[in-house]
Amino acid sequence: MQSPLFGYNEQQTQERYSLQNSQMLRVVMEGHDDILARKGTMVAYQGLVEFDAEYQNNSQHRARAYTGEGLDLMRCHGQGTVYLANLAQHVHVVDVEQDGLTVDSSYVLAMDSSLHHEVIAVDSQYGISGSGKYQLNITGRGKVALMTSGMPLMMQVTPDKYVNCDADAIVAWSTGLRVQMQAQTHSSGVWRRRGNTGEGWELSFLGQGFALVQPSELLPPQNAVIGQGLRAQYGMGQQGARAQNQGNVWS
């Protein structure tokens, strides 16, 4: 049998985390360091690898129920190679160090089991579209694989150069940054999305670090169904937060 498909062979590398291609993560398991991956994202594996549902303690259950933020994870352990992917999204490997990483849980594909993660609140006078008032804070030392809809933009933040990002496009940022959420309308006009420009809530980042933005103002494809009509665009009515517009709601 012959086909151009045989050109898509396994990528040979000694790196623990590597990209098979831009939309598939390859992780080498050596029997002593487990990884935590989003449930249902294993597309192939080789060797003696086992997958178990990751236990959530009571505080994690409560945080998930209250905020809607959290991770449904499986523990991968053993010896072999695991391939992970989710809805053909672009995958990016990030080294988490002392400064930590704040991310929407919808964009996490996998991480080292040694990393700690918890739900934190992002302060705001109002609710926020898309990214929510709560995020996931990942700390420790290790690697995290993030997903984006398309190829992202990494914005550097310095004390003399702050960055503003659309709240529906932001993926992750350095935990040490100061964050402010705001709309480009005064409080009496929060129901209109900045006049007729189509823009709404934004995040302002100050300090030293980075902000990662994707070329999409929606959450990953599983949440990207937008209802019809004016009320649906603000997460209200039958097409709102509890129906088809879960990725773009006013909370």
C-alpha atoms as a PDB file:
ATOM      1  CA  MET A   1       0.000   0.000   0.000  1.00  0.00           C
ATOM      2  CA  GLN A   2       1.235   3.476  -0.856  1.00  0.00           C
ATOM      3  CA  SER A   3      -0.113   6.865   0.145  1.00  0.00           C
ATOM      4  CA  PRO A   4       1.096  10.326   1.198  1.00  0.00           C
ATOM      5  CA  LEU A   5      -0.446   9.398   4.577  1.00  0.00           C
ATOM      6  CA  PHE A   6       2.673   7.346   5.328  1.00  0.00           C
ATOM      7  CA  GLY A   7       4.577  10.598   5.531  1.00  0.00           C
ATOM      8  CA  TYR A   8       2.837  11.376   8.834  1.00  0.00           C
ATOM      9  CA  ASN A   9       5.070   9.129  10.921  1.00  0.00           C
ATOM     10  CA  GLU A  10       5.758   9.282  14.627  1.00  0.00           C
ATOM     11  CA  GLN A  11       8.063  12.081  15.664  1.00  0.00           C
ATOM     12  CA  GLN A  12      11.167  10.679  17.339  1.00  0.00           C
ATOM     13  CA  THR A  13      12.427  12.786  20.238  1.00  0.00           C
ATOM     14  CA  GLN A  14      13.796  12.350  23.747  1.00  0.00           C
ATOM     15  CA  GLU A  15      11.630  15.159  25.123  1.00  0.00           C
ATOM     16  CA  ARG A  16       8.949  14.156  27.617  1.00  0.00           C
ATOM     17  CA  TYR A  17       6.423  16.578  26.103  1.00  0.00           C
ATOM     18  CA  SER A  18       6.614  17.204  22.358  1.00  0.00           C
ATOM     19  CA  LEU A  19       4.267  17.940  19.476  1.00  0.00           C
ATOM     20  CA  GLN A  20       3.492  15.182  17.008  1.00  0.00           C
ATOM     21  CA  ASN A  21       2.052  18.033  14.978  1.00  0.00           C
ATOM     22  CA  SER A  22       0.509  21.400  15.824  1.00  0.00           C
ATOM     23  CA  GLN A  23      -2.732  19.744  16.962  1.00  0.00           C
ATOM     24  CA  MET A  24      -1.497  16.614  18.733  1.00  0.00           C
ATOM     25  CA  LEU A  25       0.595  16.239  21.889  1.00  0.00           C
ATOM     26  CA  ARG A  26       3.061  13.382  22.371  1.00  0.00           C
ATOM     27  CA  VAL A  27       4.027  12.486  25.964  1.00  0.00           C
ATOM     28  CA  VAL A  28       6.671   9.909  26.874  1.00  0.00           C
ATOM     29  CA  MET A  29       5.829   7.965  30.063  1.00  0.00           C
ATOM     30  CA  GLU A  30       8.752   6.477  31.983  1.00  0.00           C
ATOM     31  CA  GLY A  31       6.935   4.810  34.863  1.00  0.00           C
ATOM     32  CA  HIS A  32       7.698   7.264  37.676  1.00  0.00           C
ATOM     33  CA  ASP A  33       6.067  10.584  36.692  1.00  0.00           C
ATOM     34  CA  ASP A  34       2.321  10.536  36.043  1.00  0.00           C
ATOM     35  CA  ILE A  35       0.537  13.115  33.933  1.00  0.00           C
ATOM     36  CA  LEU A  36      -2.987  14.468  34.274  1.00  0.00           C
ATOM     37  CA  ALA A  37      -4.920  14.843  31.017  1.00  0.00           C
ATOM     38  CA  ARG A  38      -8.361  16.102  30.130  1.00  0.00           C
ATOM     39  CA  LYS A  39     -10.802  13.196  30.109  1.00  0.00           C
ATOM     40  CA  GLY A  40     -11.405  11.673  26.697  1.00  0.00           C
ATOM     41  CA  THR A  41      -8.430  13.297  24.954  1.00  0.00           C
ATOM     42  CA  MET A  42      -6.300  10.172  24.450  1.00  0.00           C
ATOM     43  CA  VAL A  43      -6.265   9.382  20.724  1.00  0.00           C
ATOM     44  CA  ALA A  44      -3.549   6.681  20.745  1.00  0.00           C
ATOM     45  CA  TYR A  45      -0.863   5.138  22.943  1.00  0.00           C
ATOM     46  CA  GLN A  46       1.929   2.579  22.864  1.00  0.00           C
ATOM     47  CA  GLY A  47       3.341   0.497  25.687  1.00  0.00           C
ATOM     48  CA  LEU A  48       1.988  -0.339  29.124  1.00  0.00           C
ATOM     49  CA  VAL A  49      -0.030   2.753  30.008  1.00  0.00           C
ATOM     50  CA  GLU A  50      -3.104   2.883  32.236  1.00  0.00           C
ATOM     51  CA  PHE A  51      -5.773   5.574  32.540  1.00  0.00           C
ATOM     52  CA  ASP A  52      -7.709   6.252  35.746  1.00  0.00           C
ATOM     53  CA  ALA A  53     -10.203   8.938  36.667  1.00  0.00           C
ATOM     54  CA  GLU A  54      -8.539  11.534  38.896  1.00  0.00           C
ATOM     55  CA  TYR A  55     -10.031  11.904  42.376  1.00  0.00           C
ATOM     56  CA  GLN A  56     -11.477  15.295  43.343  1.00  0.00           C
ATOM     57  CA  ASN A  57     -11.609  16.232  47.007  1.00  0.00           C
ATOM     58  CA  ASN A  58     -14.558  17.985  48.659  1.00  0.00           C
ATOM     59  CA  SER A  59     -13.110  21.479  48.271  1.00  0.00           C
ATOM     60  CA  GLN A  60     -12.549  20.909  44.547  1.00  0.00           C
ATOM     61  CA  HIS A  61     -16.122  19.644  44.156  1.00  0.00           C
ATOM     62  CA  ARG A  62     -17.479  22.695  45.989  1.00  0.00           C
ATOM     63  CA  ALA A  63     -15.362  25.086  43.941  1.00  0.00           C
ATOM     64  CA  ARG A  64     -16.532  23.454  40.712  1.00  0.00           C
ATOM     65  CA  ALA A  65     -20.191  23.603  41.755  1.00  0.00           C
ATOM     66  CA  TYR A  66     -19.972  27.241  42.860  1.00  0.00           C
ATOM     67  CA  THR A  67     -17.806  28.723  40.113  1.00  0.00           C
ATOM     68  CA  GLY A  68     -18.218  26.371  37.148  1.00  0.00           C
ATOM     69  CA  GLU A  69     -14.408  26.372  36.895  1.00  0.00           C
ATOM     70  CA  GLY A  70     -12.391  23.183  37.263  1.00  0.00           C
ATOM     71  CA  LEU A  71     -10.853  20.248  35.452  1.00  0.00           C
ATOM     72  CA  ASP A  72     -12.225  16.813  34.552  1.00  0.00           C
ATOM     73  CA  LEU A  73      -8.979  14.861  34.553  1.00  0.00           C
ATOM     74  CA  MET A  74      -7.683  11.362  34.056  1.00  0.00           C
ATOM     75  CA  ARG A  75      -4.376  10.116  35.445  1.00  0.00           C
ATOM     76  CA  CYS A  76      -2.037   8.518  32.917  1.00  0.00           C
ATOM     77  CA  HIS A  77       0.669   6.267  34.360  1.00  0.00           C
ATOM     78  CA  GLY A  78       2.971   3.481  33.215  1.00  0.00           C
ATOM     79  CA  GLN A  79       5.614   3.163  30.534  1.00  0.00           C
ATOM     80  CA  GLY A  80       5.031   4.079  26.916  1.00  0.00           C
ATOM     81  CA  THR A  81       3.945   6.940  24.686  1.00  0.00           C
ATOM     82  CA  VAL A  82       0.580   8.723  24.860  1.00  0.00           C
ATOM     83  CA  TYR A  83      -0.933  10.927  22.155  1.00  0.00           C
ATOM     84  CA  LEU A  84      -3.466  13.554  23.231  1.00  0.00           C
ATOM     85  CA  ALA A  85      -5.684  15.866  21.187  1.00  0.00           C
ATOM     86  CA  ASN A  86      -9.000  17.694  21.505  1.00  0.00           C
ATOM     87  CA  LEU A  87     -11.178  18.791  18.590  1.00  0.00           C
ATOM     88  CA  ALA A  88      -8.117  19.543  16.408  1.00  0.00           C
ATOM     89  CA  GLN A  89      -7.204  22.553  18.518  1.00  0.00           C
ATOM     90  CA  HIS A  90      -3.657  23.892  18.412  1.00  0.00           C
ATOM     91  CA  VAL A  91      -1.487  22.618  21.274  1.00  0.00           C
ATOM     92  CA  HIS A  92       1.246  24.546  23.081  1.00  0.00           C
ATOM     93  CA  VAL A  93       3.585  23.344  25.850  1.00  0.00           C
ATOM     94  CA  VAL A  94       4.358  25.805  28.646  1.00  0.00           C
ATOM     95  CA  ASP A  95       6.949  25.493  31.436  1.00  0.00           C
ATOM     96  CA  VAL A  96       5.371  26.616  34.707  1.00  0.00           C
ATOM     97  CA  GLU A  97       7.872  28.014  37.185  1.00  0.00           C
ATOM     98  CA  GLN A  98       7.729  30.159  40.297  1.00  0.00           C
ATOM     99  CA  ASP A  99       5.553  32.897  38.807  1.00  0.00           C
ATOM    100  CA  GLY A 100       2.685  30.465  38.129  1.00  0.00           C
ATOM    101  CA  LEU A 101       0.076  30.376  35.371  1.00  0.00           C
ATOM    102  CA  THR A 102      -3.536  31.560  35.425  1.00  0.00           C
ATOM    103  CA  VAL A 103      -5.711  29.954  32.752  1.00  0.00           C
ATOM    104  CA  ASP A 104      -9.303  29.203  31.850  1.00  0.00           C
ATOM    105  CA  SER A 105      -9.749  25.472  32.515  1.00  0.00           C
ATOM    106  CA  SER A 106     -11.339  25.063  29.065  1.00  0.00           C
ATOM    107  CA  TYR A 107      -7.900  25.501  27.505  1.00  0.00           C
ATOM    108  CA  VAL A 108      -5.962  22.906  29.548  1.00  0.00           C
ATOM    109  CA  LEU A 109      -5.123  19.658  27.724  1.00  0.00           C
ATOM    110  CA  ALA A 110      -2.613  18.040  30.117  1.00  0.00           C
ATOM    111  CA  MET A 111      -0.156  18.791  32.918  1.00  0.00           C
ATOM    112  CA  ASP A 112       2.411  17.165  35.159  1.00  0.00           C
ATOM    113  CA  SER A 113       0.798  15.562  38.206  1.00  0.00           C
ATOM    114  CA  SER A 114       3.286  17.375  40.445  1.00  0.00           C
ATOM    115  CA  LEU A 115       1.673  20.744  39.677  1.00  0.00           C
ATOM    116  CA  HIS A 116      -0.947  22.201  42.013  1.00  0.00           C
ATOM    117  CA  HIS A 117      -4.142  23.755  40.661  1.00  0.00           C
ATOM    118  CA  GLU A 118      -6.932  25.658  42.375  1.00  0.00           C
ATOM    119  CA  VAL A 119      -9.810  27.957  41.432  1.00  0.00           C
ATOM    120  CA  ILE A 120      -9.287  31.675  42.100  1.00  0.00           C
ATOM    121  CA  ALA A 121     -11.549  34.697  41.690  1.00  0.00           C
ATOM    122  CA  VAL A 122     -10.798  37.501  39.246  1.00  0.00           C
ATOM    123  CA  ASP A 123     -12.224  40.631  40.815  1.00  0.00           C
ATOM    124  CA  SER A 124     -14.690  42.716  38.825  1.00  0.00           C
ATOM    125  CA  GLN A 125     -17.393  45.289  39.393  1.00  0.00           C
ATOM    126  CA  TYR A 126     -19.562  43.398  36.935  1.00  0.00           C
ATOM    127  CA  GLY A 127     -19.678  39.877  35.578  1.00  0.00           C
ATOM    128  CA  ILE A 128     -17.588  39.134  32.523  1.00  0.00           C
ATOM    129  CA  SER A 129     -18.373  37.638  29.153  1.00  0.00           C
ATOM    130  CA  GLY A 130     -16.590  34.506  27.998  1.00  0.00           C
ATOM    131  CA  SER A 131     -13.736  33.937  30.410  1.00  0.00           C
ATOM    132  CA  GLY A 132     -15.818  34.073  33.587  1.00  0.00           C
ATOM    133  CA  LYS A 133     -15.099  35.654  36.968  1.00  0.00           C
ATOM    134  CA  TYR A 134     -13.110  32.610  38.083  1.00  0.00           C
ATOM    135  CA  GLN A 135      -9.959  31.086  36.644  1.00  0.00           C
ATOM    136  CA  LEU A 136      -7.611  28.202  37.344  1.00  0.00           C
ATOM    137  CA  ASN A 137      -4.322  28.993  39.064  1.00  0.00           C
ATOM    138  CA  ILE A 138      -1.520  26.487  38.362  1.00  0.00           C
ATOM    139  CA  THR A 139       1.597  26.613  40.544  1.00  0.00           C
ATOM    140  CA  GLY A 140       4.750  24.583  41.094  1.00  0.00           C
ATOM    141  CA  ARG A 141       7.338  23.418  38.586  1.00  0.00           C
ATOM    142  CA  GLY A 142       6.390  21.377  35.566  1.00  0.00           C
ATOM    143  CA  LYS A 143       4.795  21.446  32.144  1.00  0.00           C
ATOM    144  CA  VAL A 144       1.273  22.315  31.031  1.00  0.00           C
ATOM    145  CA  ALA A 145      -0.166  21.724  27.559  1.00  0.00           C
ATOM    146  CA  LEU A 146      -2.616  24.445  26.535  1.00  0.00           C
ATOM    147  CA  MET A 147      -5.073  24.533  23.627  1.00  0.00           C
ATOM    148  CA  THR A 148      -6.055  27.462  21.426  1.00  0.00           C
ATOM    149  CA  SER A 149      -8.456  27.949  18.550  1.00  0.00           C
ATOM    150  CA  GLY A 150      -5.855  28.806  15.909  1.00  0.00           C
ATOM    151  CA  MET A 151      -2.320  30.116  16.369  1.00  0.00           C
ATOM    152  CA  PRO A 152      -2.098  32.503  19.354  1.00  0.00           C
ATOM    153  CA  LEU A 153      -0.328  35.761  20.147  1.00  0.00           C
ATOM    154  CA  MET A 154       1.997  36.110  23.168  1.00  0.00           C
ATOM    155  CA  MET A 155       1.837  39.645  24.591  1.00  0.00           C
ATOM    156  CA  GLN A 156       4.697  40.767  26.846  1.00  0.00           C
ATOM    157  CA  VAL A 157       3.640  42.900  29.825  1.00  0.00           C
ATOM    158  CA  THR A 158       6.153  45.229  31.487  1.00  0.00           C
ATOM    159  CA  PRO A 159       5.791  47.906  34.192  1.00  0.00           C
ATOM    160  CA  ASP A 160       5.875  50.640  31.536  1.00  0.00           C
ATOM    161  CA  LYS A 161       3.772  48.775  28.968  1.00  0.00           C
ATOM    162  CA  TYR A 162       0.455  47.333  30.109  1.00  0.00           C
ATOM    163  CA  VAL A 163      -1.711  45.204  27.832  1.00  0.00           C
ATOM    164  CA  ASN A 164      -5.470  45.102  27.226  1.00  0.00           C
ATOM    165  CA  CYS A 165      -7.102  41.924  25.893  1.00  0.00           C
ATOM    166  CA  ASP A 166     -10.611  40.986  24.879  1.00  0.00           C
ATOM    167  CA  ALA A 167     -12.070  38.864  27.666  1.00  0.00           C
ATOM    168  CA  ASP A 168     -13.377  36.327  25.152  1.00  0.00           C
ATOM    169  CA  ALA A 169      -9.963  35.882  23.499  1.00  0.00           C
ATOM    170  CA  ILE A 170      -7.640  35.640  26.515  1.00  0.00           C
ATOM    171  CA  VAL A 171      -6.330  32.131  27.233  1.00  0.00           C
ATOM    172  CA  ALA A 172      -3.766  32.479  30.033  1.00  0.00           C
ATOM    173  CA  TRP A 173      -1.466  34.918  31.795  1.00  0.00           C
ATOM    174  CA  SER A 174       1.313  35.115  34.382  1.00  0.00           C
ATOM    175  CA  THR A 175      -0.188  34.759  37.847  1.00  0.00           C
ATOM    176  CA  GLY A 176       1.901  37.637  39.201  1.00  0.00           C
ATOM    177  CA  LEU A 177       0.216  40.201  36.940  1.00  0.00           C
ATOM    178  CA  ARG A 178      -2.363  42.601  38.336  1.00  0.00           C
ATOM    179  CA  VAL A 179      -5.633  42.177  36.457  1.00  0.00           C
ATOM    180  CA  GLN A 180      -8.539  44.578  36.053  1.00  0.00           C
ATOM    181  CA  MET A 181     -11.754  43.780  34.205  1.00  0.00           C
ATOM    182  CA  GLN A 182     -13.610  46.601  32.566  1.00  0.00           C
ATOM    183  CA  ALA A 183     -16.026  47.494  29.794  1.00  0.00           C
ATOM    184  CA  GLN A 184     -15.585  50.462  27.485  1.00  0.00           C
ATOM    185  CA  THR A 185     -18.954  51.783  28.589  1.00  0.00           C
ATOM    186  CA  HIS A 186     -19.987  53.393  31.854  1.00  0.00           C
ATOM    187  CA  SER A 187     -22.169  51.426  34.274  1.00  0.00           C
ATOM    188  CA  SER A 188     -25.455  52.681  32.833  1.00  0.00           C
ATOM    189  CA  GLY A 189     -24.522  51.205  29.458  1.00  0.00           C
ATOM    190  CA  VAL A 190     -23.299  47.718  30.329  1.00  0.00           C
ATOM    191  CA  TRP A 191     -26.107  46.107  28.330  1.00  0.00           C
ATOM    192  CA  ARG A 192     -24.768  47.379  25.039  1.00  0.00           C
ATOM    193  CA  ARG A 193     -21.513  45.963  23.671  1.00  0.00           C
ATOM    194  CA  ARG A 194     -19.592  49.206  23.272  1.00  0.00           C
ATOM    195  CA  GLY A 195     -22.049  50.875  20.939  1.00  0.00           C
ATOM    196  CA  ASN A 196     -22.051  49.222  17.519  1.00  0.00           C
ATOM    197  CA  THR A 197     -18.361  48.161  17.537  1.00  0.00           C
ATOM    198  CA  GLY A 198     -19.088  44.600  18.679  1.00  0.00           C
ATOM    199  CA  GLU A 199     -16.547  44.893  21.510  1.00  0.00           C
ATOM    200  CA  GLY A 200     -17.423  44.162  25.119  1.00  0.00           C
ATOM    201  CA  TRP A 201     -15.457  43.290  28.240  1.00  0.00           C
ATOM    202  CA  GLU A 202     -11.690  43.481  28.380  1.00  0.00           C
ATOM    203  CA  LEU A 203      -8.893  42.596  30.802  1.00  0.00           C
ATOM    204  CA  SER A 204      -6.075  45.019  31.607  1.00  0.00           C
ATOM    205  CA  PHE A 205      -2.761  43.456  32.690  1.00  0.00           C
ATOM    206  CA  LEU A 206      -0.156  45.391  34.663  1.00  0.00           C
ATOM    207  CA  GLY A 207       3.229  44.302  36.024  1.00  0.00           C
ATOM    208  CA  GLN A 208       5.834  41.940  34.597  1.00  0.00           C
ATOM    209  CA  GLY A 209       4.859  38.827  32.652  1.00  0.00           C
ATOM    210  CA  PHE A 210       2.863  37.713  29.634  1.00  0.00           C
ATOM    211  CA  ALA A 211      -0.693  37.322  28.351  1.00  0.00           C
ATOM    212  CA  LEU A 212      -1.633  34.661  25.794  1.00  0.00           C
ATOM    213  CA  VAL A 213      -4.406  35.535  23.316  1.00  0.00           C
ATOM    214  CA  GLN A 214      -6.052  33.288  20.724  1.00  0.00           C
ATOM    215  CA  PRO A 215      -7.444  34.453  17.341  1.00  0.00           C
ATOM    216  CA  SER A 216     -11.004  33.749  18.405  1.00  0.00           C
ATOM    217  CA  GLU A 217     -13.439  35.497  20.706  1.00  0.00           C
ATOM    218  CA  LEU A 218     -15.119  32.267  21.702  1.00  0.00           C
ATOM    219  CA  LEU A 219     -14.282  29.365  23.948  1.00  0.00           C
ATOM    220  CA  PRO A 220     -13.245  26.039  22.343  1.00  0.00           C
ATOM    221  CA  PRO A 221     -15.581  24.620  19.671  1.00  0.00           C
ATOM    222  CA  GLN A 222     -17.702  22.599  22.100  1.00  0.00           C
ATOM    223  CA  ASN A 223     -18.912  25.898  23.617  1.00  0.00           C
ATOM    224  CA  ALA A 224     -18.985  28.022  20.495  1.00  0.00           C
ATOM    225  CA  VAL A 225     -22.686  27.740  19.572  1.00  0.00           C
ATOM    226  CA  ILE A 226     -24.281  31.171  19.703  1.00  0.00           C
ATOM    227  CA  GLY A 227     -28.055  31.534  19.834  1.00  0.00           C
ATOM    228  CA  GLN A 228     -30.144  33.875  17.712  1.00  0.00           C
ATOM    229  CA  GLY A 229     -31.437  37.295  18.631  1.00  0.00           C
ATOM    230  CA  LEU A 230     -30.320  40.190  20.816  1.00  0.00           C
ATOM    231  CA  ARG A 231     -31.101  38.497  24.144  1.00  0.00           C
ATOM    232  CA  ALA A 232     -29.057  35.437  23.205  1.00  0.00           C
ATOM    233  CA  GLN A 233     -25.984  37.573  22.519  1.00  0.00           C
ATOM    234  CA  TYR A 234     -26.032  38.607  26.184  1.00  0.00           C
ATOM    235  CA  GLY A 235     -26.620  35.103  27.531  1.00  0.00           C
ATOM    236  CA  MET A 236     -30.286  35.687  28.372  1.00  0.00           C
ATOM    237  CA  GLY A 237     -33.520  34.001  27.415  1.00  0.00           C
ATOM    238  CA  GLN A 238     -34.001  30.542  25.917  1.00  0.00           C
ATOM    239  CA  GLN A 239     -30.731  30.792  24.007  1.00  0.00           C
ATOM    240  CA  GLY A 240     -28.803  32.079  27.000  1.00  0.00           C
ATOM    241  CA  ALA A 241     -26.541  30.796  29.722  1.00  0.00           C
ATOM    242  CA  ARG A 242     -28.424  27.572  30.371  1.00  0.00           C
ATOM    243  CA  ALA A 243     -29.043  26.779  26.733  1.00  0.00           C
ATOM    244  CA  GLN A 244     -26.888  27.291  23.632  1.00  0.00           C
ATOM    245  CA  ASN A 245     -24.794  30.266  24.676  1.00  0.00           C
ATOM    246  CA  GLN A 246     -22.796  28.900  27.601  1.00  0.00           C
ATOM    247  CA  GLY A 247     -19.509  30.266  26.310  1.00  0.00           C
ATOM    248  CA  ASN A 248     -20.635  33.905  26.162  1.00  0.00           C
ATOM    249  CA  VAL A 249     -22.757  34.747  29.186  1.00  0.00           C
ATOM    250  CA  TRP A 250     -23.289  37.565  31.604  1.00  0.00           C
ATOM    251  CA  SER A 251     -22.899  36.131  35.120  1.00  0.00           C
END
